[in-house]
Amino acid sequence: MTTRKKKRFIAGATCPQCKATDTMSLFIENNVEKVECVACGHQMAQPEQQVVQSTREKELVIGVFKPE
């Protein structure tokens, strides 16, 4: 079952998808913070802190393998 808490609008925020202003709402779904545009439905999620901490920030891609 999905648990969803009340939405709060973010004043002055612009949607990265449709560029509409004042349409972004913040809510928590299954203990994950999410932002959704009420105009176009675009969603973004904030990764949990333990996921952010486990990311290797200084890792570089040396090359990309393309089989022929």
Protein backbone atom coordinates (compact mmCIF):
# COMPACT_ATOMS: atom_id res chain seq x y z
CA MET A 1 0.00 0.00 0.00
CA THR A 2 1.31 3.45 -0.94
CA THR A 3 1.41 6.01 1.84
CA ARG A 4 1.28 9.59 0.68
CA LYS A 5 1.38 12.70 2.84
CA LYS A 6 -0.21 16.06 2.07
CA LYS A 7 1.24 18.09 -0.81
CA ARG A 8 2.88 21.48 -0.24
CA PHE A 9 3.42 23.89 -3.11
CA ILE A 10 6.85 25.44 -3.66
CA ALA A 11 6.46 29.19 -4.29
CA GLY A 12 8.41 30.49 -7.29
CA ALA A 13 9.59 27.05 -8.44
CA THR A 14 9.73 26.36 -12.19
CA CYS A 15 9.17 22.93 -13.71
CA PRO A 16 12.27 21.72 -15.61
CA GLN A 17 10.02 19.86 -18.08
CA CYS A 18 7.26 22.32 -19.09
CA LYS A 19 8.80 25.55 -17.64
CA ALA A 20 5.56 26.45 -15.81
CA THR A 21 6.03 28.54 -12.65
CA ASP A 22 4.29 27.92 -9.30
CA THR A 23 3.11 24.43 -10.29
CA MET A 24 5.61 22.35 -8.29
CA SER A 25 4.34 20.48 -5.24
CA LEU A 26 6.35 18.60 -2.62
CA PHE A 27 5.06 15.43 -0.97
CA ILE A 28 6.37 12.32 0.78
CA GLU A 29 5.49 8.91 -0.67
CA ASN A 30 6.71 5.73 1.05
CA ASN A 31 9.23 7.81 3.07
CA VAL A 32 10.74 9.32 -0.11
CA GLU A 33 10.53 13.07 -0.78
CA LYS A 34 9.11 13.75 -4.23
CA VAL A 35 8.37 16.88 -6.25
CA GLU A 36 5.68 16.85 -8.93
CA CYS A 37 4.48 19.42 -11.46
CA VAL A 38 0.68 19.61 -11.31
CA ALA A 39 0.61 21.03 -14.85
CA CYS A 40 2.48 18.29 -16.76
CA GLY A 41 2.98 15.50 -14.19
CA HIS A 42 6.82 15.57 -14.26
CA GLN A 43 8.23 14.01 -11.07
CA MET A 44 11.59 14.13 -9.32
CA ALA A 45 12.66 12.20 -6.21
CA GLN A 46 15.24 13.03 -3.57
CA PRO A 47 17.57 10.05 -3.05
CA GLU A 48 17.87 8.78 0.52
CA GLN A 49 20.93 10.02 2.43
CA GLN A 50 22.45 6.52 2.61
CA VAL A 51 22.30 6.29 -1.21
CA VAL A 52 23.97 9.69 -1.59
CA GLN A 53 26.72 8.69 0.85
CA SER A 54 27.46 5.44 -0.99
CA THR A 55 27.92 7.24 -4.33
CA ARG A 56 31.55 7.47 -5.41
CA GLU A 57 31.81 11.14 -6.33
CA LYS A 58 35.39 11.06 -7.68
CA GLU A 59 34.89 8.08 -9.95
CA LEU A 60 35.67 8.82 -13.60
CA VAL A 61 34.67 7.05 -16.80
CA ILE A 62 37.84 6.14 -18.69
CA GLY A 63 36.17 4.94 -21.87
CA VAL A 64 33.04 3.43 -23.32
CA PHE A 65 33.18 -0.05 -24.87
CA LYS A 66 31.33 -0.26 -28.19
CA PRO A 67 31.33 -3.80 -29.65
CA GLU A 68 31.33 -3.93 -33.43
